[in-house]
Amino acid sequence: MPRHLADEAACGFDPELHTGPDLFTTESAEERVARERVAREVCAECPVWASCLFYALDARPETGVWAGLTAEEIAGLAGGRDASAPSPREVA
């Protein structure tokens, strides 16, 4: 994430919330869903939400939650397909 976004982003307090655990830690599907739900809630209140979304659509991250969307949902949007994810603004 570009520094200008990272400095103002709400996710800065707990990056692992948005990226998931490191490679040496396992996360069950249930834990992942719960973590992503909380990450979406944080994104919904983020002051750089729109900039983060534009960055994610351009960068197409392989993991994590960006602007309230998972990497898979971002890939769907970036590819022109209709993603089934709710708007992060709808989550809060």
C-alpha atoms as a PDB file:
ATOM      1  CA  MET A   1       0.000   0.000   0.000  1.00  0.00           C
ATOM      2  CA  PRO A   2       1.369   3.431  -0.842  1.00  0.00           C
ATOM      3  CA  ARG A   3       2.668   5.337   2.156  1.00  0.00           C
ATOM      4  CA  HIS A   4       0.155   8.184   1.776  1.00  0.00           C
ATOM      5  CA  LEU A   5      -2.669   5.656   2.158  1.00  0.00           C
ATOM      6  CA  ALA A   6      -1.013   3.676   4.925  1.00  0.00           C
ATOM      7  CA  ASP A   7      -0.454   6.767   7.050  1.00  0.00           C
ATOM      8  CA  GLU A   8      -4.168   7.595   7.108  1.00  0.00           C
ATOM      9  CA  ALA A   9      -5.736   4.149   6.775  1.00  0.00           C
ATOM     10  CA  ALA A  10      -7.850   2.755   9.593  1.00  0.00           C
ATOM     11  CA  CYS A  11      -6.215  -0.661   9.151  1.00  0.00           C
ATOM     12  CA  GLY A  12      -2.832   0.634  10.284  1.00  0.00           C
ATOM     13  CA  PHE A  13      -3.539  -0.266  13.905  1.00  0.00           C
ATOM     14  CA  ASP A  14      -3.749  -3.996  13.105  1.00  0.00           C
ATOM     15  CA  PRO A  15      -2.500  -4.927   9.627  1.00  0.00           C
ATOM     16  CA  GLU A  16      -2.880  -8.660  10.315  1.00  0.00           C
ATOM     17  CA  LEU A  17      -6.622  -8.114  10.611  1.00  0.00           C
ATOM     18  CA  HIS A  18      -6.654  -7.267   6.915  1.00  0.00           C
ATOM     19  CA  THR A  19      -3.871  -9.526   5.652  1.00  0.00           C
ATOM     20  CA  GLY A  20      -4.421 -12.629   7.744  1.00  0.00           C
ATOM     21  CA  PRO A  21      -1.868 -14.541   9.764  1.00  0.00           C
ATOM     22  CA  ASP A  22       1.674 -15.166   8.600  1.00  0.00           C
ATOM     23  CA  LEU A  23       2.606 -18.245   6.587  1.00  0.00           C
ATOM     24  CA  PHE A  24       3.461 -20.240   9.705  1.00  0.00           C
ATOM     25  CA  THR A  25       0.075 -19.786  11.383  1.00  0.00           C
ATOM     26  CA  THR A  26      -3.009 -21.691  10.343  1.00  0.00           C
ATOM     27  CA  GLU A  27      -6.401 -20.047  10.142  1.00  0.00           C
ATOM     28  CA  SER A  28      -9.588 -22.062   9.873  1.00  0.00           C
ATOM     29  CA  ALA A  29     -12.248 -21.057   7.377  1.00  0.00           C
ATOM     30  CA  GLU A  30     -14.462 -19.956  10.268  1.00  0.00           C
ATOM     31  CA  GLU A  31     -11.667 -17.793  11.708  1.00  0.00           C
ATOM     32  CA  ARG A  32     -10.990 -16.273   8.276  1.00  0.00           C
ATOM     33  CA  VAL A  33     -14.651 -15.377   7.775  1.00  0.00           C
ATOM     34  CA  ALA A  34     -14.809 -13.763  11.231  1.00  0.00           C
ATOM     35  CA  ARG A  35     -11.563 -11.834  10.651  1.00  0.00           C
ATOM     36  CA  GLU A  36     -12.722 -10.613   7.245  1.00  0.00           C
ATOM     37  CA  ARG A  37     -16.064  -9.501   8.718  1.00  0.00           C
ATOM     38  CA  VAL A  38     -14.279  -7.319  11.278  1.00  0.00           C
ATOM     39  CA  ALA A  39     -11.882  -6.029   8.609  1.00  0.00           C
ATOM     40  CA  ARG A  40     -14.864  -4.992   6.458  1.00  0.00           C
ATOM     41  CA  GLU A  41     -16.312  -3.087   9.410  1.00  0.00           C
ATOM     42  CA  VAL A  42     -13.015  -1.231   9.887  1.00  0.00           C
ATOM     43  CA  CYS A  43     -12.894  -0.435   6.170  1.00  0.00           C
ATOM     44  CA  ALA A  44     -16.421   0.958   6.252  1.00  0.00           C
ATOM     45  CA  GLU A  45     -15.243   3.767   8.531  1.00  0.00           C
ATOM     46  CA  CYS A  46     -11.873   4.356   6.854  1.00  0.00           C
ATOM     47  CA  PRO A  47     -11.104   7.890   5.635  1.00  0.00           C
ATOM     48  CA  VAL A  48      -9.130   6.574   2.638  1.00  0.00           C
ATOM     49  CA  TRP A  49     -11.649   3.914   1.578  1.00  0.00           C
ATOM     50  CA  ALA A  50     -12.095   5.205  -1.988  1.00  0.00           C
ATOM     51  CA  SER A  51      -8.364   5.639  -2.565  1.00  0.00           C
ATOM     52  CA  CYS A  52      -7.749   2.156  -1.193  1.00  0.00           C
ATOM     53  CA  LEU A  53     -10.346   0.709  -3.558  1.00  0.00           C
ATOM     54  CA  PHE A  54      -8.786   2.402  -6.584  1.00  0.00           C
ATOM     55  CA  TYR A  55      -5.345   1.212  -5.487  1.00  0.00           C
ATOM     56  CA  ALA A  56      -6.582  -2.359  -5.008  1.00  0.00           C
ATOM     57  CA  LEU A  57      -8.311  -2.404  -8.396  1.00  0.00           C
ATOM     58  CA  ASP A  58      -5.050  -1.307  -9.984  1.00  0.00           C
ATOM     59  CA  ALA A  59      -2.682  -3.492  -7.916  1.00  0.00           C
ATOM     60  CA  ARG A  60      -4.953  -6.576  -7.805  1.00  0.00           C
ATOM     61  CA  PRO A  61      -3.664  -7.989  -4.507  1.00  0.00           C
ATOM     62  CA  GLU A  62      -3.568 -11.759  -4.109  1.00  0.00           C
ATOM     63  CA  THR A  63      -4.542 -11.767  -0.435  1.00  0.00           C
ATOM     64  CA  GLY A  64      -6.134  -9.615   2.207  1.00  0.00           C
ATOM     65  CA  VAL A  65      -9.058  -7.264   2.602  1.00  0.00           C
ATOM     66  CA  TRP A  66      -8.806  -3.970   0.738  1.00  0.00           C
ATOM     67  CA  ALA A  67     -11.511  -1.296   0.924  1.00  0.00           C
ATOM     68  CA  GLY A  68     -13.762  -3.907   2.494  1.00  0.00           C
ATOM     69  CA  LEU A  69     -13.330  -6.432  -0.320  1.00  0.00           C
ATOM     70  CA  THR A  70     -11.343  -9.655  -0.442  1.00  0.00           C
ATOM     71  CA  ALA A  71      -8.687 -10.194  -3.087  1.00  0.00           C
ATOM     72  CA  GLU A  72     -11.087 -12.531  -4.909  1.00  0.00           C
ATOM     73  CA  GLU A  73     -13.842  -9.912  -4.922  1.00  0.00           C
ATOM     74  CA  ILE A  74     -11.411  -7.278  -6.177  1.00  0.00           C
ATOM     75  CA  ALA A  75     -10.311  -9.602  -8.971  1.00  0.00           C
ATOM     76  CA  GLY A  76     -13.960 -10.004  -9.932  1.00  0.00           C
ATOM     77  CA  LEU A  77     -14.497  -6.256 -10.051  1.00  0.00           C
ATOM     78  CA  ALA A  78     -11.242  -5.592 -11.860  1.00  0.00           C
ATOM     79  CA  GLY A  79     -12.087  -8.269 -14.395  1.00  0.00           C
ATOM     80  CA  GLY A  80     -15.421  -6.657 -15.154  1.00  0.00           C
ATOM     81  CA  ARG A  81     -17.492  -9.360 -13.494  1.00  0.00           C
ATOM     82  CA  ASP A  82     -20.149  -8.527 -10.938  1.00  0.00           C
ATOM     83  CA  ALA A  83     -18.764  -9.342  -7.483  1.00  0.00           C
ATOM     84  CA  SER A  84     -21.299 -10.583  -4.959  1.00  0.00           C
ATOM     85  CA  ALA A  85     -19.708  -8.780  -2.023  1.00  0.00           C
ATOM     86  CA  PRO A  86     -21.676  -6.170  -0.155  1.00  0.00           C
ATOM     87  CA  SER A  87     -20.398  -2.641  -0.243  1.00  0.00           C
ATOM     88  CA  PRO A  88     -18.181  -2.013   2.788  1.00  0.00           C
ATOM     89  CA  ARG A  89     -20.412   0.958   3.551  1.00  0.00           C
ATOM     90  CA  GLU A  90     -23.361  -1.473   3.852  1.00  0.00           C
ATOM     91  CA  VAL A  91     -21.569  -3.613   6.457  1.00  0.00           C
ATOM     92  CA  ALA A  92     -21.380  -0.945   9.146  1.00  0.00           C
END
